[in-house]
Amino acid sequence: MTASPAQTHWVRAMPVVFVLIWSTGFIVARYGMPHAPPFTFLLVRYLLSALCFVLWIRWARVAWPRDPRQWAHLAVTGVLMHALYLGGVWAAVRAGMGSGLSALIVGLQPVLTGIWLSRHGESGVTRRQWAGLILGFLGLALVVSRKLEHSLEVTAFTLTMAVMALLAITIGTLYQKHFLAPCDVRSANTVQLLAAAVFTLPLAWLEPHDIDWAPELFGAMAWSVLGLTLGGSSLLYLLIQRGAAASVTSLMYLVPPTTALIAWVLFDEPITTVTLMGVALTAVGVSLVVRPPKIAPMSEETKK
């Protein structure tokens, strides 16, 4: 079947939409984190998101995965890419690690993915893509450099949480690409979210239950469910299923620069020359990674 023009345009726009949505994660944390413990906030987010997906599934009569092994693989990716990744980042920032350092640590994901693919992948990572990964990380470092000045004091706990988040999102991406068979994104996300909720429940239970039901918390929760989970997580799932792992993960480099631009609009945070240089360098790096390889023209002998 040939895709319609509307479908083709949507597929091309998916990476841009994903970056825009995913970049609001730190904005949500800034609004919601002062009013609720991190794992409690995330547990409510997972449960509300799963409920929305279940209602959507019933309305659209979406099929659930039939293979029990698929359910198990989805549960593993849910724990890795939701519970451990988001839980690690939120716990590190809530415990005092600056957003700049946490973004820089998690920003190593495309590099780790590239290292794994170069050793175990079928096609590996090309020299051009390696150059793009390195340029993207350097650009990321420039973007967060201003915040990095206030993030250098870390504890064993915050560093452990940030590194755990880095490993979880890296392993989760590779695991999903390798083990998950194509299935409906709505049912897949529901299984992942329920597994993340089960994993997060005891951690939330151990937290102090000092929740301030302020309007900012309701707004942060609403966008976390509708925008970040139903929108962003679904797009990430689709992108991993459709594209090469190195190309998809390199999009994460664009998240901190986009977040900086959003923070400039919403909170009047200054945009420096160094930040703009970092944005440009990151964009060049990502373009080198995601650009499709040139196909050499066929020789006359090959045509014959």
C-alpha atoms as a PDB file:
ATOM      1  CA  MET A   1       0.000   0.000   0.000  1.00  0.00           C
ATOM      2  CA  THR A   2       1.183   3.502  -0.836  1.00  0.00           C
ATOM      3  CA  ALA A   3       1.053   6.080   1.944  1.00  0.00           C
ATOM      4  CA  SER A   4      -1.151   9.103   1.352  1.00  0.00           C
ATOM      5  CA  PRO A   5       0.442  12.580   1.166  1.00  0.00           C
ATOM      6  CA  ALA A   6      -0.969  13.422   4.607  1.00  0.00           C
ATOM      7  CA  GLN A   7       0.579  10.275   6.094  1.00  0.00           C
ATOM      8  CA  THR A   8       3.905  11.029   4.427  1.00  0.00           C
ATOM      9  CA  HIS A   9       3.966  14.576   5.809  1.00  0.00           C
ATOM     10  CA  TRP A  10       3.081  13.294   9.291  1.00  0.00           C
ATOM     11  CA  VAL A  11       5.885  10.736   9.240  1.00  0.00           C
ATOM     12  CA  ARG A  12       8.353  13.456   8.255  1.00  0.00           C
ATOM     13  CA  ALA A  13       7.048  15.769  10.982  1.00  0.00           C
ATOM     14  CA  MET A  14       7.182  13.131  13.739  1.00  0.00           C
ATOM     15  CA  PRO A  15      10.789  13.886  14.841  1.00  0.00           C
ATOM     16  CA  VAL A  16      10.090  17.625  15.061  1.00  0.00           C
ATOM     17  CA  VAL A  17       6.878  17.137  17.027  1.00  0.00           C
ATOM     18  CA  PHE A  18       8.606  14.655  19.338  1.00  0.00           C
ATOM     19  CA  VAL A  19      11.450  17.064  20.146  1.00  0.00           C
ATOM     20  CA  LEU A  20       9.018  19.917  20.820  1.00  0.00           C
ATOM     21  CA  ILE A  21       6.909  17.797  23.183  1.00  0.00           C
ATOM     22  CA  TRP A  22       9.820  16.055  24.930  1.00  0.00           C
ATOM     23  CA  SER A  23      11.538  19.402  25.508  1.00  0.00           C
ATOM     24  CA  THR A  24       8.727  20.460  27.824  1.00  0.00           C
ATOM     25  CA  GLY A  25       9.750  17.799  30.351  1.00  0.00           C
ATOM     26  CA  PHE A  26      12.006  20.122  32.349  1.00  0.00           C
ATOM     27  CA  ILE A  27       9.336  22.839  32.171  1.00  0.00           C
ATOM     28  CA  VAL A  28       6.842  20.412  33.722  1.00  0.00           C
ATOM     29  CA  ALA A  29       9.378  19.485  36.397  1.00  0.00           C
ATOM     30  CA  ARG A  30       9.892  23.156  37.217  1.00  0.00           C
ATOM     31  CA  TYR A  31       6.140  23.626  37.737  1.00  0.00           C
ATOM     32  CA  GLY A  32       5.304  20.344  39.442  1.00  0.00           C
ATOM     33  CA  MET A  33       8.356  19.246  41.404  1.00  0.00           C
ATOM     34  CA  PRO A  34       8.080  21.821  44.230  1.00  0.00           C
ATOM     35  CA  HIS A  35       4.558  20.585  45.010  1.00  0.00           C
ATOM     36  CA  ALA A  36       4.937  16.773  45.101  1.00  0.00           C
ATOM     37  CA  PRO A  37       7.604  14.123  45.768  1.00  0.00           C
ATOM     38  CA  PRO A  38       9.044  12.803  42.478  1.00  0.00           C
ATOM     39  CA  PHE A  39       7.963   9.159  42.614  1.00  0.00           C
ATOM     40  CA  THR A  40       4.487  10.044  43.877  1.00  0.00           C
ATOM     41  CA  PHE A  41       4.052  12.496  40.999  1.00  0.00           C
ATOM     42  CA  LEU A  42       5.278   9.915  38.491  1.00  0.00           C
ATOM     43  CA  LEU A  43       3.053   7.157  39.921  1.00  0.00           C
ATOM     44  CA  VAL A  44      -0.057   9.314  39.505  1.00  0.00           C
ATOM     45  CA  ARG A  45       1.132  10.262  36.024  1.00  0.00           C
ATOM     46  CA  TYR A  46       1.536   6.603  34.995  1.00  0.00           C
ATOM     47  CA  LEU A  47      -1.873   5.578  36.355  1.00  0.00           C
ATOM     48  CA  LEU A  48      -3.752   8.507  34.782  1.00  0.00           C
ATOM     49  CA  SER A  49      -1.961   7.972  31.462  1.00  0.00           C
ATOM     50  CA  ALA A  50      -2.782   4.254  31.488  1.00  0.00           C
ATOM     51  CA  LEU A  51      -6.429   5.081  32.215  1.00  0.00           C
ATOM     52  CA  CYS A  52      -6.544   7.474  29.247  1.00  0.00           C
ATOM     53  CA  PHE A  53      -5.016   4.831  26.988  1.00  0.00           C
ATOM     54  CA  VAL A  54      -7.501   2.170  28.183  1.00  0.00           C
ATOM     55  CA  LEU A  55     -10.442   4.458  27.382  1.00  0.00           C
ATOM     56  CA  TRP A  56      -8.905   5.205  23.986  1.00  0.00           C
ATOM     57  CA  ILE A  57      -8.368   1.482  23.344  1.00  0.00           C
ATOM     58  CA  ARG A  58     -11.964   0.617  24.223  1.00  0.00           C
ATOM     59  CA  TRP A  59     -13.318   3.437  22.052  1.00  0.00           C
ATOM     60  CA  ALA A  60     -11.130   2.529  19.048  1.00  0.00           C
ATOM     61  CA  ARG A  61     -11.366  -1.262  19.665  1.00  0.00           C
ATOM     62  CA  VAL A  62      -7.616  -1.631  19.554  1.00  0.00           C
ATOM     63  CA  ALA A  63      -6.177  -5.134  19.769  1.00  0.00           C
ATOM     64  CA  TRP A  64      -3.947  -6.145  22.661  1.00  0.00           C
ATOM     65  CA  PRO A  65      -0.713  -8.100  22.096  1.00  0.00           C
ATOM     66  CA  ARG A  66      -1.480 -11.828  21.918  1.00  0.00           C
ATOM     67  CA  ASP A  67       1.960 -13.255  22.616  1.00  0.00           C
ATOM     68  CA  PRO A  68       2.752 -13.452  26.374  1.00  0.00           C
ATOM     69  CA  ARG A  69       6.416 -12.854  25.547  1.00  0.00           C
ATOM     70  CA  GLN A  70       5.435  -9.548  23.956  1.00  0.00           C
ATOM     71  CA  TRP A  71       3.740  -8.514  27.204  1.00  0.00           C
ATOM     72  CA  ALA A  72       6.918  -9.379  29.097  1.00  0.00           C
ATOM     73  CA  HIS A  73       9.096  -7.394  26.690  1.00  0.00           C
ATOM     74  CA  LEU A  74       6.737  -4.418  26.945  1.00  0.00           C
ATOM     75  CA  ALA A  75       6.867  -4.596  30.745  1.00  0.00           C
ATOM     76  CA  VAL A  76      10.674  -4.574  30.701  1.00  0.00           C
ATOM     77  CA  THR A  77      10.783  -1.523  28.418  1.00  0.00           C
ATOM     78  CA  GLY A  78       8.170   0.180  30.590  1.00  0.00           C
ATOM     79  CA  VAL A  79      10.286  -0.221  33.711  1.00  0.00           C
ATOM     80  CA  LEU A  80      13.426   0.929  31.880  1.00  0.00           C
ATOM     81  CA  MET A  81      12.090   3.853  29.826  1.00  0.00           C
ATOM     82  CA  HIS A  82       9.484   5.159  32.256  1.00  0.00           C
ATOM     83  CA  ALA A  83      10.166   4.104  35.839  1.00  0.00           C
ATOM     84  CA  LEU A  84      13.985   4.074  35.902  1.00  0.00           C
ATOM     85  CA  TYR A  85      14.665   6.815  33.351  1.00  0.00           C
ATOM     86  CA  LEU A  86      12.115   9.375  34.523  1.00  0.00           C
ATOM     87  CA  GLY A  87      12.454   8.319  38.160  1.00  0.00           C
ATOM     88  CA  GLY A  88      16.230   8.723  38.039  1.00  0.00           C
ATOM     89  CA  VAL A  89      16.126  12.181  36.465  1.00  0.00           C
ATOM     90  CA  TRP A  90      13.385  13.483  38.765  1.00  0.00           C
ATOM     91  CA  ALA A  91      14.991  12.029  41.902  1.00  0.00           C
ATOM     92  CA  ALA A  92      18.403  13.514  41.000  1.00  0.00           C
ATOM     93  CA  VAL A  93      17.030  16.989  40.304  1.00  0.00           C
ATOM     94  CA  ARG A  94      14.759  16.933  43.376  1.00  0.00           C
ATOM     95  CA  ALA A  95      17.752  15.923  45.564  1.00  0.00           C
ATOM     96  CA  GLY A  96      19.791  18.903  44.386  1.00  0.00           C
ATOM     97  CA  MET A  97      21.491  18.066  41.098  1.00  0.00           C
ATOM     98  CA  GLY A  98      21.167  20.949  38.656  1.00  0.00           C
ATOM     99  CA  SER A  99      19.203  20.440  35.479  1.00  0.00           C
ATOM    100  CA  GLY A 100      22.296  21.308  33.439  1.00  0.00           C
ATOM    101  CA  LEU A 101      24.406  18.461  34.803  1.00  0.00           C
ATOM    102  CA  SER A 102      21.548  15.967  34.701  1.00  0.00           C
ATOM    103  CA  ALA A 103      20.876  16.898  31.058  1.00  0.00           C
ATOM    104  CA  LEU A 104      24.571  16.500  30.239  1.00  0.00           C
ATOM    105  CA  ILE A 105      24.784  13.059  31.863  1.00  0.00           C
ATOM    106  CA  VAL A 106      21.622  11.781  30.197  1.00  0.00           C
ATOM    107  CA  GLY A 107      22.878  13.407  26.984  1.00  0.00           C
ATOM    108  CA  LEU A 108      25.506  10.693  26.749  1.00  0.00           C
ATOM    109  CA  GLN A 109      22.780   8.297  25.599  1.00  0.00           C
ATOM    110  CA  PRO A 110      23.398   8.680  21.843  1.00  0.00           C
ATOM    111  CA  VAL A 111      27.125   8.091  22.388  1.00  0.00           C
ATOM    112  CA  LEU A 112      26.503   4.921  24.417  1.00  0.00           C
ATOM    113  CA  THR A 113      24.019   3.751  21.805  1.00  0.00           C
ATOM    114  CA  GLY A 114      26.575   4.397  19.070  1.00  0.00           C
ATOM    115  CA  ILE A 115      29.254   2.446  20.942  1.00  0.00           C
ATOM    116  CA  TRP A 116      26.929  -0.541  21.363  1.00  0.00           C
ATOM    117  CA  LEU A 117      25.801  -0.459  17.722  1.00  0.00           C
ATOM    118  CA  SER A 118      29.362  -0.185  16.438  1.00  0.00           C
ATOM    119  CA  ARG A 119      30.229  -3.382  18.324  1.00  0.00           C
ATOM    120  CA  HIS A 120      26.999  -5.376  18.028  1.00  0.00           C
ATOM    121  CA  GLY A 121      24.831  -3.729  15.390  1.00  0.00           C
ATOM    122  CA  GLU A 122      24.333  -5.197  11.948  1.00  0.00           C
ATOM    123  CA  SER A 123      25.388  -2.070  10.042  1.00  0.00           C
ATOM    124  CA  GLY A 124      27.235  -0.251  12.810  1.00  0.00           C
ATOM    125  CA  VAL A 125      27.717   3.509  12.991  1.00  0.00           C
ATOM    126  CA  THR A 126      29.406   5.321  10.106  1.00  0.00           C
ATOM    127  CA  ARG A 127      32.217   7.841  10.499  1.00  0.00           C
ATOM    128  CA  ARG A 128      29.845  10.619   9.515  1.00  0.00           C
ATOM    129  CA  GLN A 129      27.407   9.558  12.219  1.00  0.00           C
ATOM    130  CA  TRP A 130      30.210   9.363  14.801  1.00  0.00           C
ATOM    131  CA  ALA A 131      31.211  12.910  13.880  1.00  0.00           C
ATOM    132  CA  GLY A 132      27.585  13.958  14.294  1.00  0.00           C
ATOM    133  CA  LEU A 133      27.297  12.267  17.703  1.00  0.00           C
ATOM    134  CA  ILE A 134      30.434  14.019  18.954  1.00  0.00           C
ATOM    135  CA  LEU A 135      29.397  17.411  17.572  1.00  0.00           C
ATOM    136  CA  GLY A 136      25.937  16.980  19.061  1.00  0.00           C
ATOM    137  CA  PHE A 137      27.335  16.258  22.504  1.00  0.00           C
ATOM    138  CA  LEU A 138      29.700  19.238  22.313  1.00  0.00           C
ATOM    139  CA  GLY A 139      26.767  21.430  21.344  1.00  0.00           C
ATOM    140  CA  LEU A 140      24.775  20.038  24.252  1.00  0.00           C
ATOM    141  CA  ALA A 141      27.639  20.882  26.606  1.00  0.00           C
ATOM    142  CA  LEU A 142      27.656  24.479  25.337  1.00  0.00           C
ATOM    143  CA  VAL A 143      23.879  24.791  25.740  1.00  0.00           C
ATOM    144  CA  VAL A 144      23.916  23.652  29.378  1.00  0.00           C
ATOM    145  CA  SER A 145      27.268  25.274  30.255  1.00  0.00           C
ATOM    146  CA  ARG A 146      25.626  28.241  31.984  1.00  0.00           C
ATOM    147  CA  LYS A 147      23.571  25.968  34.234  1.00  0.00           C
ATOM    148  CA  LEU A 148      26.507  23.604  34.622  1.00  0.00           C
ATOM    149  CA  GLU A 149      28.347  26.216  36.677  1.00  0.00           C
ATOM    150  CA  HIS A 150      25.779  25.742  39.438  1.00  0.00           C
ATOM    151  CA  SER A 151      25.579  21.945  39.102  1.00  0.00           C
ATOM    152  CA  LEU A 152      29.084  20.744  39.892  1.00  0.00           C
ATOM    153  CA  GLU A 153      28.412  19.821  43.504  1.00  0.00           C
ATOM    154  CA  VAL A 154      26.926  16.342  43.404  1.00  0.00           C
ATOM    155  CA  THR A 155      26.356  13.580  45.912  1.00  0.00           C
ATOM    156  CA  ALA A 156      26.681   9.835  45.483  1.00  0.00           C
ATOM    157  CA  PHE A 157      22.876   9.583  45.450  1.00  0.00           C
ATOM    158  CA  THR A 158      22.231  12.199  42.760  1.00  0.00           C
ATOM    159  CA  LEU A 159      25.039  10.867  40.567  1.00  0.00           C
ATOM    160  CA  THR A 160      23.729   7.319  40.949  1.00  0.00           C
ATOM    161  CA  MET A 161      20.217   8.419  39.990  1.00  0.00           C
ATOM    162  CA  ALA A 162      21.428  10.328  36.909  1.00  0.00           C
ATOM    163  CA  VAL A 163      23.646   7.468  35.708  1.00  0.00           C
ATOM    164  CA  MET A 164      20.798   5.016  36.321  1.00  0.00           C
ATOM    165  CA  ALA A 165      18.553   7.178  34.139  1.00  0.00           C
ATOM    166  CA  LEU A 166      21.206   7.266  31.411  1.00  0.00           C
ATOM    167  CA  LEU A 167      21.658   3.484  31.387  1.00  0.00           C
ATOM    168  CA  ALA A 168      17.898   2.870  31.583  1.00  0.00           C
ATOM    169  CA  ILE A 169      16.990   4.992  28.541  1.00  0.00           C
ATOM    170  CA  THR A 170      19.935   3.588  26.552  1.00  0.00           C
ATOM    171  CA  ILE A 171      19.222  -0.068  27.341  1.00  0.00           C
ATOM    172  CA  GLY A 172      15.477   0.477  26.992  1.00  0.00           C
ATOM    173  CA  THR A 173      15.846   1.947  23.499  1.00  0.00           C
ATOM    174  CA  LEU A 174      18.063  -0.882  22.301  1.00  0.00           C
ATOM    175  CA  TYR A 175      15.884  -3.515  24.001  1.00  0.00           C
ATOM    176  CA  GLN A 176      12.709  -2.177  22.413  1.00  0.00           C
ATOM    177  CA  LYS A 177      14.276  -2.024  18.971  1.00  0.00           C
ATOM    178  CA  HIS A 178      15.583  -5.593  19.236  1.00  0.00           C
ATOM    179  CA  PHE A 179      12.828  -7.506  21.042  1.00  0.00           C
ATOM    180  CA  LEU A 180       9.494  -5.778  20.442  1.00  0.00           C
ATOM    181  CA  ALA A 181       7.431  -6.837  17.472  1.00  0.00           C
ATOM    182  CA  PRO A 182       5.328  -4.119  15.849  1.00  0.00           C
ATOM    183  CA  CYS A 183       2.024  -3.615  17.676  1.00  0.00           C
ATOM    184  CA  ASP A 184      -0.428  -0.818  18.320  1.00  0.00           C
ATOM    185  CA  VAL A 185       1.254   2.027  20.173  1.00  0.00           C
ATOM    186  CA  ARG A 186      -1.743   2.538  22.473  1.00  0.00           C
ATOM    187  CA  SER A 187      -1.883  -0.986  23.851  1.00  0.00           C
ATOM    188  CA  ALA A 188       1.921  -1.137  23.993  1.00  0.00           C
ATOM    189  CA  ASN A 189       2.107   2.090  25.994  1.00  0.00           C
ATOM    190  CA  THR A 190      -0.589   0.887  28.389  1.00  0.00           C
ATOM    191  CA  VAL A 191       1.354  -2.254  29.266  1.00  0.00           C
ATOM    192  CA  GLN A 192       4.550  -0.223  29.680  1.00  0.00           C
ATOM    193  CA  LEU A 193       2.866   2.319  31.950  1.00  0.00           C
ATOM    194  CA  LEU A 194       1.234  -0.297  34.168  1.00  0.00           C
ATOM    195  CA  ALA A 195       4.592  -2.042  34.605  1.00  0.00           C
ATOM    196  CA  ALA A 196       6.198   1.301  35.471  1.00  0.00           C
ATOM    197  CA  ALA A 197       3.428   2.009  37.989  1.00  0.00           C
ATOM    198  CA  VAL A 198       3.905  -1.348  39.723  1.00  0.00           C
ATOM    199  CA  PHE A 199       7.644  -0.729  39.941  1.00  0.00           C
ATOM    200  CA  THR A 200       7.218   2.841  41.211  1.00  0.00           C
ATOM    201  CA  LEU A 201       4.502   2.105  43.791  1.00  0.00           C
ATOM    202  CA  PRO A 202       6.806   0.997  46.670  1.00  0.00           C
ATOM    203  CA  LEU A 203       9.165   3.914  46.004  1.00  0.00           C
ATOM    204  CA  ALA A 204       6.261   6.368  46.173  1.00  0.00           C
ATOM    205  CA  TRP A 205       4.994   4.691  49.353  1.00  0.00           C
ATOM    206  CA  LEU A 206       8.330   5.379  51.081  1.00  0.00           C
ATOM    207  CA  GLU A 207       8.212   9.095  50.240  1.00  0.00           C
ATOM    208  CA  PRO A 208       6.721  11.700  52.574  1.00  0.00           C
ATOM    209  CA  HIS A 209       3.172  12.374  51.466  1.00  0.00           C
ATOM    210  CA  ASP A 210       3.418  16.158  51.544  1.00  0.00           C
ATOM    211  CA  ILE A 211       1.543  17.037  48.357  1.00  0.00           C
ATOM    212  CA  ASP A 212       0.549  20.654  47.758  1.00  0.00           C
ATOM    213  CA  TRP A 213      -2.463  20.613  45.437  1.00  0.00           C
ATOM    214  CA  ALA A 214      -1.584  23.928  43.836  1.00  0.00           C
ATOM    215  CA  PRO A 215      -2.794  24.976  40.360  1.00  0.00           C
ATOM    216  CA  GLU A 216       0.763  24.537  39.070  1.00  0.00           C
ATOM    217  CA  LEU A 217       0.678  20.874  40.120  1.00  0.00           C
ATOM    218  CA  PHE A 218      -2.610  20.248  38.298  1.00  0.00           C
ATOM    219  CA  GLY A 219      -1.271  21.937  35.167  1.00  0.00           C
ATOM    220  CA  ALA A 220       1.994  20.011  35.284  1.00  0.00           C
ATOM    221  CA  MET A 221       0.134  16.726  35.774  1.00  0.00           C
ATOM    222  CA  ALA A 222      -2.318  17.427  32.961  1.00  0.00           C
ATOM    223  CA  TRP A 223       0.463  18.158  30.462  1.00  0.00           C
ATOM    224  CA  SER A 224       2.549  15.220  31.729  1.00  0.00           C
ATOM    225  CA  VAL A 225      -0.344  12.865  30.965  1.00  0.00           C
ATOM    226  CA  LEU A 226      -1.758  14.354  27.770  1.00  0.00           C
ATOM    227  CA  GLY A 227       1.376  15.832  26.219  1.00  0.00           C
ATOM    228  CA  LEU A 228       4.432  13.974  27.453  1.00  0.00           C
ATOM    229  CA  THR A 229       3.010  10.466  27.874  1.00  0.00           C
ATOM    230  CA  LEU A 230       0.144  10.165  25.404  1.00  0.00           C
ATOM    231  CA  GLY A 231       1.993  12.318  22.871  1.00  0.00           C
ATOM    232  CA  GLY A 232       5.738  12.191  23.521  1.00  0.00           C
ATOM    233  CA  SER A 233       6.102   8.584  24.688  1.00  0.00           C
ATOM    234  CA  SER A 234       3.895   7.347  21.852  1.00  0.00           C
ATOM    235  CA  LEU A 235       6.000   9.203  19.293  1.00  0.00           C
ATOM    236  CA  LEU A 236       9.211   7.833  20.822  1.00  0.00           C
ATOM    237  CA  TYR A 237       7.806   4.299  20.541  1.00  0.00           C
ATOM    238  CA  LEU A 238       6.880   4.858  16.892  1.00  0.00           C
ATOM    239  CA  LEU A 239      10.227   6.448  16.049  1.00  0.00           C
ATOM    240  CA  ILE A 240      12.170   3.542  17.556  1.00  0.00           C
ATOM    241  CA  GLN A 241      10.031   1.071  15.610  1.00  0.00           C
ATOM    242  CA  ARG A 242      10.520   2.972  12.361  1.00  0.00           C
ATOM    243  CA  GLY A 243      14.108   4.225  12.480  1.00  0.00           C
ATOM    244  CA  ALA A 244      17.669   3.257  13.297  1.00  0.00           C
ATOM    245  CA  ALA A 245      18.496   3.474  16.984  1.00  0.00           C
ATOM    246  CA  ALA A 246      21.425   5.882  16.528  1.00  0.00           C
ATOM    247  CA  SER A 247      19.317   8.283  14.464  1.00  0.00           C
ATOM    248  CA  VAL A 248      16.410   8.233  16.921  1.00  0.00           C
ATOM    249  CA  THR A 249      18.524   8.710  20.037  1.00  0.00           C
ATOM    250  CA  SER A 250      20.456  11.561  18.424  1.00  0.00           C
ATOM    251  CA  LEU A 251      17.188  13.539  18.505  1.00  0.00           C
ATOM    252  CA  MET A 252      17.665  13.678  22.292  1.00  0.00           C
ATOM    253  CA  TYR A 253      20.507  16.134  21.661  1.00  0.00           C
ATOM    254  CA  LEU A 254      17.926  18.638  20.418  1.00  0.00           C
ATOM    255  CA  VAL A 255      15.885  18.506  23.628  1.00  0.00           C
ATOM    256  CA  PRO A 256      18.048  20.759  25.891  1.00  0.00           C
ATOM    257  CA  PRO A 257      18.464  23.473  23.206  1.00  0.00           C
ATOM    258  CA  THR A 258      14.718  23.465  22.561  1.00  0.00           C
ATOM    259  CA  THR A 259      14.076  23.554  26.311  1.00  0.00           C
ATOM    260  CA  ALA A 260      16.361  26.582  26.579  1.00  0.00           C
ATOM    261  CA  LEU A 261      14.341  28.364  23.899  1.00  0.00           C
ATOM    262  CA  ILE A 262      11.045  27.493  25.625  1.00  0.00           C
ATOM    263  CA  ALA A 263      12.420  28.697  28.974  1.00  0.00           C
ATOM    264  CA  TRP A 264      13.479  31.936  27.276  1.00  0.00           C
ATOM    265  CA  VAL A 265       9.890  32.465  26.075  1.00  0.00           C
ATOM    266  CA  LEU A 266       8.124  31.385  29.291  1.00  0.00           C
ATOM    267  CA  PHE A 267      10.531  32.455  32.039  1.00  0.00           C
ATOM    268  CA  ASP A 268      12.649  35.094  30.292  1.00  0.00           C
ATOM    269  CA  GLU A 269      15.789  33.014  30.927  1.00  0.00           C
ATOM    270  CA  PRO A 270      18.679  34.630  29.035  1.00  0.00           C
ATOM    271  CA  ILE A 271      19.922  33.183  25.745  1.00  0.00           C
ATOM    272  CA  THR A 272      23.649  33.798  25.467  1.00  0.00           C
ATOM    273  CA  THR A 273      25.951  33.671  22.464  1.00  0.00           C
ATOM    274  CA  VAL A 274      27.413  30.431  23.813  1.00  0.00           C
ATOM    275  CA  THR A 275      23.898  28.949  23.970  1.00  0.00           C
ATOM    276  CA  LEU A 276      23.213  29.895  20.353  1.00  0.00           C
ATOM    277  CA  MET A 277      26.551  28.394  19.297  1.00  0.00           C
ATOM    278  CA  GLY A 278      25.590  25.217  21.115  1.00  0.00           C
ATOM    279  CA  VAL A 279      22.187  25.116  19.412  1.00  0.00           C
ATOM    280  CA  ALA A 280      23.807  25.478  15.988  1.00  0.00           C
ATOM    281  CA  LEU A 281      26.471  22.853  16.725  1.00  0.00           C
ATOM    282  CA  THR A 282      23.865  20.428  18.020  1.00  0.00           C
ATOM    283  CA  ALA A 283      21.690  20.910  14.951  1.00  0.00           C
ATOM    284  CA  VAL A 284      24.651  20.204  12.656  1.00  0.00           C
ATOM    285  CA  GLY A 285      25.565  17.105  14.658  1.00  0.00           C
ATOM    286  CA  VAL A 286      22.050  15.674  14.561  1.00  0.00           C
ATOM    287  CA  SER A 287      21.759  16.369  10.836  1.00  0.00           C
ATOM    288  CA  LEU A 288      24.918  14.328  10.238  1.00  0.00           C
ATOM    289  CA  VAL A 289      23.471  11.397  12.168  1.00  0.00           C
ATOM    290  CA  VAL A 290      19.966  11.337  10.676  1.00  0.00           C
ATOM    291  CA  ARG A 291      20.917  12.195   7.083  1.00  0.00           C
ATOM    292  CA  PRO A 292      20.346   9.092   4.927  1.00  0.00           C
ATOM    293  CA  PRO A 293      23.498   7.653   3.316  1.00  0.00           C
ATOM    294  CA  LYS A 294      24.179   8.473  -0.288  1.00  0.00           C
ATOM    295  CA  ILE A 295      23.505   5.617  -2.656  1.00  0.00           C
ATOM    296  CA  ALA A 296      26.303   5.155  -5.111  1.00  0.00           C
ATOM    297  CA  PRO A 297      25.179   5.183  -8.750  1.00  0.00           C
ATOM    298  CA  MET A 298      25.131   1.814 -10.472  1.00  0.00           C
ATOM    299  CA  SER A 299      27.903   1.161 -12.885  1.00  0.00           C
ATOM    300  CA  GLU A 300      27.173   0.053 -16.455  1.00  0.00           C
ATOM    301  CA  GLU A 301      28.429  -3.459 -15.691  1.00  0.00           C
ATOM    302  CA  THR A 302      26.119  -3.713 -12.682  1.00  0.00           C
ATOM    303  CA  LYS A 303      23.137  -2.560 -14.761  1.00  0.00           C
ATOM    304  CA  LYS A 304      23.881  -5.291 -17.250  1.00  0.00           C
END
